[in-house]
Amino acid sequence: MEQPPGGHGGQDQPAVTEGPPGCYRHPDRRTGISCTRCERPICPECMVSASVGFQCPDCVRRGSGTDHAPAAARPRTLAGGTIAADPRLLTKILLAINVAVFIAVLAVDDHGRLVGDLDLIGLAYNPELGQVVGVADGQWYRLLTAVFLHQELWHIAFNMLGLWWLGGPLEAALGRVRFLALYLISGLAGSALTYLIAPPNGPSLGASGAIFGLLGATAVVVRRLNYDMRPVIILLVLNLLFSFRSGIAWQAHVGGLVAGTLIAIGMTHAPREHRALVQYGTSALVLAATIVIVVVRTASLT
């Protein structure tokens, strides 16, 4: 007796239901997502985010004009910098420069000539040279060299501890280029305010302006990350009280603090779509204000 074509013994076979299609690159992986350009099914591993929906790797390669898969997005710091293998590299280099200059002063500067050539002085008569020296006399380099100059052991120890404690986390949060700009501009701003307010014949030196810039930037970063502000505020208040009551050059501390705070605000609060413009623009404006202070003070002394 002839059997029905649909199966054995007169019973039909169960109908086979089809699920979602398989990925065009991985057929065994079912997916309900398709490329917005070629409409081929793609699994999560093959999805490349687009402005609308997802695209497959082939369409992305053709769209970018390359013959290789798109590179994965590189991780970035809080300020958009590249994450480095050693997040304290620049901090170590800056610390080494300060220590090297300090050792050089101790080793070869018996008569104080090296310090006299590199410290911050507005305008004064040097009897040893028989001439006028200072920033107002065209020795602009003193604004920067004084930032790396120390004479007393307690002075460099205090500043280098501050650089190590504050510099490493900030370098990791901002990235190397932004951290270096923050440090140098803060130091210059501290020198500029000292040059503007302090007596022109009073020498000044030390990295305190740059360190206070790091302190102000740390406060901004801590606030940006919603961390507890109390330890930073206490540290800041204690340092400012020490600056005003100890008779040291408080002008560099205030100048560096203001500059570092402003630069950090621009770096950490810049909108992502205009991040570089806002960050570099803020740094440039602070640097420009520093230069204006120096020019105005120079005009008043000459």
C-alpha atoms as a PDB file:
ATOM      1  CA  MET A   1       0.000   0.000   0.000  1.00  0.00           C
ATOM      2  CA  GLU A   2       1.330   3.359  -0.975  1.00  0.00           C
ATOM      3  CA  GLN A   3       2.231   5.777   1.874  1.00  0.00           C
ATOM      4  CA  PRO A   4       1.168   9.385   1.840  1.00  0.00           C
ATOM      5  CA  PRO A   5       3.867  11.737   0.641  1.00  0.00           C
ATOM      6  CA  GLY A   6       3.822  13.804   3.822  1.00  0.00           C
ATOM      7  CA  GLY A   7       5.298  11.151   6.125  1.00  0.00           C
ATOM      8  CA  HIS A   8       5.029   7.603   7.387  1.00  0.00           C
ATOM      9  CA  GLY A   9       1.902   5.812   8.355  1.00  0.00           C
ATOM     10  CA  GLY A  10      -0.364   8.588   7.099  1.00  0.00           C
ATOM     11  CA  GLN A  11       0.960  11.170   9.697  1.00  0.00           C
ATOM     12  CA  ASP A  12       2.430  14.480   8.504  1.00  0.00           C
ATOM     13  CA  GLN A  13       5.947  15.554   9.715  1.00  0.00           C
ATOM     14  CA  PRO A  14       5.968  18.597  12.052  1.00  0.00           C
ATOM     15  CA  ALA A  15       6.573  21.884  10.281  1.00  0.00           C
ATOM     16  CA  VAL A  16      10.080  23.360  10.702  1.00  0.00           C
ATOM     17  CA  THR A  17       9.949  26.928  12.043  1.00  0.00           C
ATOM     18  CA  GLU A  18      12.694  29.309  10.995  1.00  0.00           C
ATOM     19  CA  GLY A  19      14.324  31.670  13.557  1.00  0.00           C
ATOM     20  CA  PRO A  20      16.292  34.884  12.968  1.00  0.00           C
ATOM     21  CA  PRO A  21      18.880  34.724  10.207  1.00  0.00           C
ATOM     22  CA  GLY A  22      22.504  33.954  10.951  1.00  0.00           C
ATOM     23  CA  CYS A  23      25.248  36.582  10.844  1.00  0.00           C
ATOM     24  CA  TYR A  24      26.780  36.819   7.392  1.00  0.00           C
ATOM     25  CA  ARG A  25      30.234  36.292   8.924  1.00  0.00           C
ATOM     26  CA  HIS A  26      29.192  33.852  11.642  1.00  0.00           C
ATOM     27  CA  PRO A  27      26.237  31.844  10.231  1.00  0.00           C
ATOM     28  CA  ASP A  28      25.791  29.858  13.456  1.00  0.00           C
ATOM     29  CA  ARG A  29      24.963  33.052  15.388  1.00  0.00           C
ATOM     30  CA  ARG A  30      21.333  34.088  15.051  1.00  0.00           C
ATOM     31  CA  THR A  31      20.681  37.835  15.093  1.00  0.00           C
ATOM     32  CA  GLY A  32      17.878  40.268  14.579  1.00  0.00           C
ATOM     33  CA  ILE A  33      20.214  43.178  13.715  1.00  0.00           C
ATOM     34  CA  SER A  34      21.175  44.058  10.162  1.00  0.00           C
ATOM     35  CA  CYS A  35      23.638  46.510   8.625  1.00  0.00           C
ATOM     36  CA  THR A  36      21.979  49.862   7.878  1.00  0.00           C
ATOM     37  CA  ARG A  37      23.837  50.073   4.553  1.00  0.00           C
ATOM     38  CA  CYS A  38      23.838  46.604   3.000  1.00  0.00           C
ATOM     39  CA  GLU A  39      21.089  45.090   5.228  1.00  0.00           C
ATOM     40  CA  ARG A  40      23.034  41.888   5.854  1.00  0.00           C
ATOM     41  CA  PRO A  41      22.479  40.320   9.299  1.00  0.00           C
ATOM     42  CA  ILE A  42      25.282  41.000  11.802  1.00  0.00           C
ATOM     43  CA  CYS A  43      25.952  39.602  15.252  1.00  0.00           C
ATOM     44  CA  PRO A  44      27.118  41.717  18.218  1.00  0.00           C
ATOM     45  CA  GLU A  45      30.775  40.937  17.476  1.00  0.00           C
ATOM     46  CA  CYS A  46      30.450  42.369  13.975  1.00  0.00           C
ATOM     47  CA  MET A  47      28.406  45.469  14.866  1.00  0.00           C
ATOM     48  CA  VAL A  48      30.141  48.821  14.348  1.00  0.00           C
ATOM     49  CA  SER A  49      28.260  51.771  15.801  1.00  0.00           C
ATOM     50  CA  ALA A  50      27.172  54.344  13.236  1.00  0.00           C
ATOM     51  CA  SER A  51      25.348  57.653  13.480  1.00  0.00           C
ATOM     52  CA  VAL A  52      22.147  55.673  12.940  1.00  0.00           C
ATOM     53  CA  GLY A  53      22.061  51.979  13.890  1.00  0.00           C
ATOM     54  CA  PHE A  54      24.972  49.647  13.143  1.00  0.00           C
ATOM     55  CA  GLN A  55      27.104  48.813  10.115  1.00  0.00           C
ATOM     56  CA  CYS A  56      29.009  45.710   9.170  1.00  0.00           C
ATOM     57  CA  PRO A  57      32.835  45.734   9.012  1.00  0.00           C
ATOM     58  CA  ASP A  58      32.821  45.505   5.195  1.00  0.00           C
ATOM     59  CA  CYS A  59      30.704  48.633   4.778  1.00  0.00           C
ATOM     60  CA  VAL A  60      32.798  50.514   7.305  1.00  0.00           C
ATOM     61  CA  ARG A  61      35.975  49.625   5.399  1.00  0.00           C
ATOM     62  CA  ARG A  62      34.466  50.753   2.118  1.00  0.00           C
ATOM     63  CA  GLY A  63      33.102  53.927   3.653  1.00  0.00           C
ATOM     64  CA  SER A  64      36.444  54.953   5.183  1.00  0.00           C
ATOM     65  CA  GLY A  65      38.403  54.196   2.028  1.00  0.00           C
ATOM     66  CA  THR A  66      40.691  51.699   3.778  1.00  0.00           C
ATOM     67  CA  ASP A  67      41.193  48.003   3.395  1.00  0.00           C
ATOM     68  CA  HIS A  68      41.412  47.159   7.073  1.00  0.00           C
ATOM     69  CA  ALA A  69      39.021  46.990   9.952  1.00  0.00           C
ATOM     70  CA  PRO A  70      38.442  50.152  11.969  1.00  0.00           C
ATOM     71  CA  ALA A  71      40.671  50.525  15.017  1.00  0.00           C
ATOM     72  CA  ALA A  72      39.058  50.275  18.401  1.00  0.00           C
ATOM     73  CA  ALA A  73      38.595  53.552  20.249  1.00  0.00           C
ATOM     74  CA  ARG A  74      41.589  54.246  22.472  1.00  0.00           C
ATOM     75  CA  PRO A  75      40.845  54.798  26.161  1.00  0.00           C
ATOM     76  CA  ARG A  76      41.100  58.398  27.276  1.00  0.00           C
ATOM     77  CA  THR A  77      41.738  60.241  30.525  1.00  0.00           C
ATOM     78  CA  LEU A  78      39.229  62.488  32.262  1.00  0.00           C
ATOM     79  CA  ALA A  79      40.410  65.417  30.143  1.00  0.00           C
ATOM     80  CA  GLY A  80      40.608  63.437  26.902  1.00  0.00           C
ATOM     81  CA  GLY A  81      44.325  62.676  27.001  1.00  0.00           C
ATOM     82  CA  THR A  82      45.875  59.364  26.012  1.00  0.00           C
ATOM     83  CA  ILE A  83      46.318  56.898  28.854  1.00  0.00           C
ATOM     84  CA  ALA A  84      50.051  56.214  29.231  1.00  0.00           C
ATOM     85  CA  ALA A  85      51.793  53.095  30.467  1.00  0.00           C
ATOM     86  CA  ASP A  86      53.582  55.152  33.139  1.00  0.00           C
ATOM     87  CA  PRO A  87      51.147  57.819  34.413  1.00  0.00           C
ATOM     88  CA  ARG A  88      53.901  59.465  36.509  1.00  0.00           C
ATOM     89  CA  LEU A  89      56.578  59.833  33.822  1.00  0.00           C
ATOM     90  CA  LEU A  90      56.466  63.643  33.549  1.00  0.00           C
ATOM     91  CA  THR A  91      56.130  63.976  37.306  1.00  0.00           C
ATOM     92  CA  LYS A  92      59.354  61.987  37.695  1.00  0.00           C
ATOM     93  CA  ILE A  93      61.113  64.065  35.023  1.00  0.00           C
ATOM     94  CA  LEU A  94      60.097  67.373  36.604  1.00  0.00           C
ATOM     95  CA  LEU A  95      61.166  66.120  40.019  1.00  0.00           C
ATOM     96  CA  ALA A  96      64.526  64.982  38.607  1.00  0.00           C
ATOM     97  CA  ILE A  97      65.135  68.383  36.974  1.00  0.00           C
ATOM     98  CA  ASN A  98      64.454  70.194  40.248  1.00  0.00           C
ATOM     99  CA  VAL A  99      66.757  67.869  42.205  1.00  0.00           C
ATOM    100  CA  ALA A 100      69.495  68.108  39.549  1.00  0.00           C
ATOM    101  CA  VAL A 101      69.442  71.910  39.655  1.00  0.00           C
ATOM    102  CA  PHE A 102      69.515  71.829  43.470  1.00  0.00           C
ATOM    103  CA  ILE A 103      72.554  69.511  43.444  1.00  0.00           C
ATOM    104  CA  ALA A 104      74.250  71.746  40.876  1.00  0.00           C
ATOM    105  CA  VAL A 105      73.706  74.765  43.114  1.00  0.00           C
ATOM    106  CA  LEU A 106      75.242  72.918  46.080  1.00  0.00           C
ATOM    107  CA  ALA A 107      78.154  71.554  44.051  1.00  0.00           C
ATOM    108  CA  VAL A 108      79.335  74.455  41.903  1.00  0.00           C
ATOM    109  CA  ASP A 109      77.783  77.595  43.329  1.00  0.00           C
ATOM    110  CA  ASP A 110      79.999  78.477  46.282  1.00  0.00           C
ATOM    111  CA  HIS A 111      79.650  82.210  45.681  1.00  0.00           C
ATOM    112  CA  GLY A 112      75.962  82.208  44.760  1.00  0.00           C
ATOM    113  CA  ARG A 113      76.583  83.234  41.158  1.00  0.00           C
ATOM    114  CA  LEU A 114      74.406  80.512  39.637  1.00  0.00           C
ATOM    115  CA  VAL A 115      71.503  81.418  41.880  1.00  0.00           C
ATOM    116  CA  GLY A 116      72.059  85.105  41.118  1.00  0.00           C
ATOM    117  CA  ASP A 117      71.896  84.380  37.403  1.00  0.00           C
ATOM    118  CA  LEU A 118      68.736  82.239  37.533  1.00  0.00           C
ATOM    119  CA  ASP A 119      66.541  83.563  40.354  1.00  0.00           C
ATOM    120  CA  LEU A 120      63.572  85.862  39.831  1.00  0.00           C
ATOM    121  CA  ILE A 121      64.496  89.497  40.304  1.00  0.00           C
ATOM    122  CA  GLY A 122      62.623  92.410  38.778  1.00  0.00           C
ATOM    123  CA  LEU A 123      65.327  95.041  38.445  1.00  0.00           C
ATOM    124  CA  ALA A 124      68.416  95.561  40.608  1.00  0.00           C
ATOM    125  CA  TYR A 125      72.046  96.652  40.425  1.00  0.00           C
ATOM    126  CA  ASN A 126      74.559  93.822  40.718  1.00  0.00           C
ATOM    127  CA  PRO A 127      77.790  95.200  42.235  1.00  0.00           C
ATOM    128  CA  GLU A 128      79.783  92.113  41.247  1.00  0.00           C
ATOM    129  CA  LEU A 129      78.920  92.603  37.590  1.00  0.00           C
ATOM    130  CA  GLY A 130      78.752  96.376  37.814  1.00  0.00           C
ATOM    131  CA  GLN A 131      75.464  96.455  35.897  1.00  0.00           C
ATOM    132  CA  VAL A 132      71.694  96.312  36.235  1.00  0.00           C
ATOM    133  CA  VAL A 133      70.093  92.863  36.025  1.00  0.00           C
ATOM    134  CA  GLY A 134      66.570  91.483  36.141  1.00  0.00           C
ATOM    135  CA  VAL A 135      63.480  90.659  34.104  1.00  0.00           C
ATOM    136  CA  ALA A 136      62.895  94.332  33.335  1.00  0.00           C
ATOM    137  CA  ASP A 137      66.395  94.483  31.824  1.00  0.00           C
ATOM    138  CA  GLY A 138      65.468  91.806  29.285  1.00  0.00           C
ATOM    139  CA  GLN A 139      66.319  88.657  31.260  1.00  0.00           C
ATOM    140  CA  TRP A 140      62.927  87.057  30.647  1.00  0.00           C
ATOM    141  CA  TYR A 141      64.267  83.558  31.257  1.00  0.00           C
ATOM    142  CA  ARG A 142      64.338  84.286  35.006  1.00  0.00           C
ATOM    143  CA  LEU A 143      60.544  83.891  35.106  1.00  0.00           C
ATOM    144  CA  LEU A 144      60.962  80.198  34.251  1.00  0.00           C
ATOM    145  CA  THR A 145      64.388  79.278  35.629  1.00  0.00           C
ATOM    146  CA  ALA A 146      63.371  80.483  39.090  1.00  0.00           C
ATOM    147  CA  VAL A 147      60.609  77.840  39.084  1.00  0.00           C
ATOM    148  CA  PHE A 148      63.259  75.072  39.083  1.00  0.00           C
ATOM    149  CA  LEU A 149      65.628  76.737  41.557  1.00  0.00           C
ATOM    150  CA  HIS A 150      65.967  76.002  45.296  1.00  0.00           C
ATOM    151  CA  GLN A 151      68.608  76.786  47.893  1.00  0.00           C
ATOM    152  CA  GLU A 152      67.370  75.291  51.152  1.00  0.00           C
ATOM    153  CA  LEU A 153      66.886  71.577  51.762  1.00  0.00           C
ATOM    154  CA  TRP A 154      63.541  72.055  53.526  1.00  0.00           C
ATOM    155  CA  HIS A 155      62.312  74.198  50.607  1.00  0.00           C
ATOM    156  CA  ILE A 156      62.972  71.656  47.869  1.00  0.00           C
ATOM    157  CA  ALA A 157      61.827  68.778  50.106  1.00  0.00           C
ATOM    158  CA  PHE A 158      58.480  70.448  50.760  1.00  0.00           C
ATOM    159  CA  ASN A 159      57.932  71.313  47.089  1.00  0.00           C
ATOM    160  CA  MET A 160      59.004  67.920  45.756  1.00  0.00           C
ATOM    161  CA  LEU A 161      56.730  66.100  48.167  1.00  0.00           C
ATOM    162  CA  GLY A 162      53.891  68.255  46.884  1.00  0.00           C
ATOM    163  CA  LEU A 163      54.892  67.528  43.286  1.00  0.00           C
ATOM    164  CA  TRP A 164      54.945  63.778  43.922  1.00  0.00           C
ATOM    165  CA  TRP A 165      51.667  63.632  45.842  1.00  0.00           C
ATOM    166  CA  LEU A 166      49.721  65.931  43.515  1.00  0.00           C
ATOM    167  CA  GLY A 167      51.510  65.430  40.205  1.00  0.00           C
ATOM    168  CA  GLY A 168      50.992  61.693  39.732  1.00  0.00           C
ATOM    169  CA  PRO A 169      47.186  61.661  40.080  1.00  0.00           C
ATOM    170  CA  LEU A 170      46.858  64.827  37.999  1.00  0.00           C
ATOM    171  CA  GLU A 171      49.093  63.506  35.237  1.00  0.00           C
ATOM    172  CA  ALA A 172      46.965  60.351  35.141  1.00  0.00           C
ATOM    173  CA  ALA A 173      43.725  62.374  35.063  1.00  0.00           C
ATOM    174  CA  LEU A 174      44.774  64.985  32.491  1.00  0.00           C
ATOM    175  CA  GLY A 175      47.355  63.264  30.305  1.00  0.00           C
ATOM    176  CA  ARG A 176      50.981  64.235  29.831  1.00  0.00           C
ATOM    177  CA  VAL A 177      50.669  67.242  27.501  1.00  0.00           C
ATOM    178  CA  ARG A 178      47.905  68.875  29.523  1.00  0.00           C
ATOM    179  CA  PHE A 179      49.694  68.193  32.788  1.00  0.00           C
ATOM    180  CA  LEU A 180      52.921  69.757  31.508  1.00  0.00           C
ATOM    181  CA  ALA A 181      51.039  72.837  30.294  1.00  0.00           C
ATOM    182  CA  LEU A 182      49.338  73.129  33.684  1.00  0.00           C
ATOM    183  CA  TYR A 183      52.628  72.906  35.582  1.00  0.00           C
ATOM    184  CA  LEU A 184      54.634  75.329  33.456  1.00  0.00           C
ATOM    185  CA  ILE A 185      51.928  77.980  33.044  1.00  0.00           C
ATOM    186  CA  SER A 186      51.130  77.869  36.762  1.00  0.00           C
ATOM    187  CA  GLY A 187      54.806  78.365  37.544  1.00  0.00           C
ATOM    188  CA  LEU A 188      55.057  81.278  35.109  1.00  0.00           C
ATOM    189  CA  ALA A 189      51.892  82.856  36.505  1.00  0.00           C
ATOM    190  CA  GLY A 190      53.340  82.645  40.003  1.00  0.00           C
ATOM    191  CA  SER A 191      56.530  84.330  38.803  1.00  0.00           C
ATOM    192  CA  ALA A 192      54.534  87.002  36.977  1.00  0.00           C
ATOM    193  CA  LEU A 193      52.484  87.952  40.046  1.00  0.00           C
ATOM    194  CA  THR A 194      55.646  88.058  42.155  1.00  0.00           C
ATOM    195  CA  TYR A 195      57.258  90.284  39.529  1.00  0.00           C
ATOM    196  CA  LEU A 196      54.214  92.547  39.564  1.00  0.00           C
ATOM    197  CA  ILE A 197      53.732  92.969  43.326  1.00  0.00           C
ATOM    198  CA  ALA A 198      56.994  92.184  45.101  1.00  0.00           C
ATOM    199  CA  PRO A 199      59.816  94.756  45.383  1.00  0.00           C
ATOM    200  CA  PRO A 200      61.808  94.716  42.135  1.00  0.00           C
ATOM    201  CA  ASN A 201      65.153  94.252  43.890  1.00  0.00           C
ATOM    202  CA  GLY A 202      63.998  91.313  46.044  1.00  0.00           C
ATOM    203  CA  PRO A 203      65.083  87.893  44.671  1.00  0.00           C
ATOM    204  CA  SER A 204      62.615  85.018  44.609  1.00  0.00           C
ATOM    205  CA  LEU A 205      62.909  81.356  43.670  1.00  0.00           C
ATOM    206  CA  GLY A 206      61.218  77.976  44.044  1.00  0.00           C
ATOM    207  CA  ALA A 207      58.573  75.735  42.480  1.00  0.00           C
ATOM    208  CA  SER A 208      55.869  76.893  44.892  1.00  0.00           C
ATOM    209  CA  GLY A 209      53.834  78.645  42.185  1.00  0.00           C
ATOM    210  CA  ALA A 210      53.694  75.479  40.081  1.00  0.00           C
ATOM    211  CA  ILE A 211      52.882  73.324  43.128  1.00  0.00           C
ATOM    212  CA  PHE A 212      50.030  75.625  44.133  1.00  0.00           C
ATOM    213  CA  GLY A 213      48.791  75.367  40.553  1.00  0.00           C
ATOM    214  CA  LEU A 214      48.671  71.589  40.972  1.00  0.00           C
ATOM    215  CA  LEU A 215      46.835  72.064  44.265  1.00  0.00           C
ATOM    216  CA  GLY A 216      44.175  74.244  42.631  1.00  0.00           C
ATOM    217  CA  ALA A 217      43.840  71.767  39.770  1.00  0.00           C
ATOM    218  CA  THR A 218      43.466  68.897  42.245  1.00  0.00           C
ATOM    219  CA  ALA A 219      40.540  70.701  43.866  1.00  0.00           C
ATOM    220  CA  VAL A 220      38.871  71.083  40.463  1.00  0.00           C
ATOM    221  CA  VAL A 221      39.392  67.427  39.521  1.00  0.00           C
ATOM    222  CA  VAL A 222      38.137  66.196  42.899  1.00  0.00           C
ATOM    223  CA  ARG A 223      35.031  68.347  42.528  1.00  0.00           C
ATOM    224  CA  ARG A 224      34.544  67.148  38.954  1.00  0.00           C
ATOM    225  CA  LEU A 225      34.627  63.510  40.083  1.00  0.00           C
ATOM    226  CA  ASN A 226      32.318  64.233  43.048  1.00  0.00           C
ATOM    227  CA  TYR A 227      34.896  63.059  45.584  1.00  0.00           C
ATOM    228  CA  ASP A 228      35.104  64.340  49.149  1.00  0.00           C
ATOM    229  CA  MET A 229      36.397  67.927  48.964  1.00  0.00           C
ATOM    230  CA  ARG A 230      37.200  68.335  52.651  1.00  0.00           C
ATOM    231  CA  PRO A 231      40.786  66.973  52.628  1.00  0.00           C
ATOM    232  CA  VAL A 232      41.708  69.175  49.658  1.00  0.00           C
ATOM    233  CA  ILE A 233      40.108  72.267  51.201  1.00  0.00           C
ATOM    234  CA  ILE A 234      41.921  71.697  54.490  1.00  0.00           C
ATOM    235  CA  LEU A 235      45.235  71.247  52.675  1.00  0.00           C
ATOM    236  CA  LEU A 236      44.635  74.375  50.610  1.00  0.00           C
ATOM    237  CA  VAL A 237      43.706  76.532  53.617  1.00  0.00           C
ATOM    238  CA  LEU A 238      46.701  75.332  55.632  1.00  0.00           C
ATOM    239  CA  ASN A 239      49.081  76.063  52.767  1.00  0.00           C
ATOM    240  CA  LEU A 240      47.652  79.539  52.224  1.00  0.00           C
ATOM    241  CA  LEU A 241      47.879  80.338  55.947  1.00  0.00           C
ATOM    242  CA  PHE A 242      51.470  79.142  55.974  1.00  0.00           C
ATOM    243  CA  SER A 243      52.209  81.279  52.905  1.00  0.00           C
ATOM    244  CA  PHE A 244      50.910  84.522  54.435  1.00  0.00           C
ATOM    245  CA  ARG A 245      52.266  83.988  57.948  1.00  0.00           C
ATOM    246  CA  SER A 246      55.738  82.669  57.169  1.00  0.00           C
ATOM    247  CA  GLY A 247      57.062  85.724  55.361  1.00  0.00           C
ATOM    248  CA  ILE A 248      57.824  83.824  52.132  1.00  0.00           C
ATOM    249  CA  ALA A 249      56.840  84.950  48.630  1.00  0.00           C
ATOM    250  CA  TRP A 250      53.083  84.436  48.855  1.00  0.00           C
ATOM    251  CA  GLN A 251      52.596  86.144  45.499  1.00  0.00           C
ATOM    252  CA  ALA A 252      53.895  83.089  43.623  1.00  0.00           C
ATOM    253  CA  HIS A 253      51.526  80.856  45.589  1.00  0.00           C
ATOM    254  CA  VAL A 254      48.460  82.938  44.782  1.00  0.00           C
ATOM    255  CA  GLY A 255      49.416  83.425  41.132  1.00  0.00           C
ATOM    256  CA  GLY A 256      50.025  79.706  40.608  1.00  0.00           C
ATOM    257  CA  LEU A 257      46.849  78.757  42.464  1.00  0.00           C
ATOM    258  CA  VAL A 258      44.634  81.019  40.344  1.00  0.00           C
ATOM    259  CA  ALA A 259      46.256  79.935  37.073  1.00  0.00           C
ATOM    260  CA  GLY A 260      46.131  76.226  37.891  1.00  0.00           C
ATOM    261  CA  THR A 261      42.485  76.417  38.944  1.00  0.00           C
ATOM    262  CA  LEU A 262      41.410  78.229  35.775  1.00  0.00           C
ATOM    263  CA  ILE A 263      43.339  75.892  33.488  1.00  0.00           C
ATOM    264  CA  ALA A 264      41.944  72.807  35.232  1.00  0.00           C
ATOM    265  CA  ILE A 265      38.384  74.112  34.898  1.00  0.00           C
ATOM    266  CA  GLY A 266      38.882  74.531  31.163  1.00  0.00           C
ATOM    267  CA  MET A 267      40.462  71.091  30.818  1.00  0.00           C
ATOM    268  CA  THR A 268      37.963  69.067  32.847  1.00  0.00           C
ATOM    269  CA  HIS A 269      34.723  70.855  31.953  1.00  0.00           C
ATOM    270  CA  ALA A 270      35.299  71.323  28.214  1.00  0.00           C
ATOM    271  CA  PRO A 271      32.455  69.914  26.069  1.00  0.00           C
ATOM    272  CA  ARG A 272      33.548  66.820  24.200  1.00  0.00           C
ATOM    273  CA  GLU A 273      32.731  68.192  20.745  1.00  0.00           C
ATOM    274  CA  HIS A 274      34.975  71.255  21.318  1.00  0.00           C
ATOM    275  CA  ARG A 275      37.316  69.774  23.894  1.00  0.00           C
ATOM    276  CA  ALA A 276      40.666  70.635  22.308  1.00  0.00           C
ATOM    277  CA  LEU A 277      39.598  74.176  21.421  1.00  0.00           C
ATOM    278  CA  VAL A 278      38.373  74.949  24.946  1.00  0.00           C
ATOM    279  CA  GLN A 279      41.338  73.316  26.664  1.00  0.00           C
ATOM    280  CA  TYR A 280      44.063  74.906  24.577  1.00  0.00           C
ATOM    281  CA  GLY A 281      42.133  78.176  24.451  1.00  0.00           C
ATOM    282  CA  THR A 282      41.903  78.341  28.250  1.00  0.00           C
ATOM    283  CA  SER A 283      45.611  77.612  28.627  1.00  0.00           C
ATOM    284  CA  ALA A 284      46.445  80.214  25.983  1.00  0.00           C
ATOM    285  CA  LEU A 285      44.304  82.859  27.688  1.00  0.00           C
ATOM    286  CA  VAL A 286      45.959  82.263  31.074  1.00  0.00           C
ATOM    287  CA  LEU A 287      49.373  82.404  29.421  1.00  0.00           C
ATOM    288  CA  ALA A 288      48.399  85.592  27.585  1.00  0.00           C
ATOM    289  CA  ALA A 289      47.264  87.198  30.847  1.00  0.00           C
ATOM    290  CA  THR A 290      50.604  86.217  32.378  1.00  0.00           C
ATOM    291  CA  ILE A 291      52.482  87.865  29.527  1.00  0.00           C
ATOM    292  CA  VAL A 292      50.390  91.026  29.852  1.00  0.00           C
ATOM    293  CA  ILE A 293      51.260  91.251  33.562  1.00  0.00           C
ATOM    294  CA  VAL A 294      54.950  90.937  32.752  1.00  0.00           C
ATOM    295  CA  VAL A 295      54.779  93.561  29.981  1.00  0.00           C
ATOM    296  CA  VAL A 296      52.883  96.035  32.162  1.00  0.00           C
ATOM    297  CA  ARG A 297      55.311  95.608  35.059  1.00  0.00           C
ATOM    298  CA  THR A 298      58.314  95.941  32.759  1.00  0.00           C
ATOM    299  CA  ALA A 299      56.906  99.182  31.330  1.00  0.00           C
ATOM    300  CA  SER A 300      56.513 100.589  34.834  1.00  0.00           C
ATOM    301  CA  LEU A 301      60.112  99.759  35.800  1.00  0.00           C
ATOM    302  CA  THR A 302      61.858 101.019  32.675  1.00  0.00           C
END
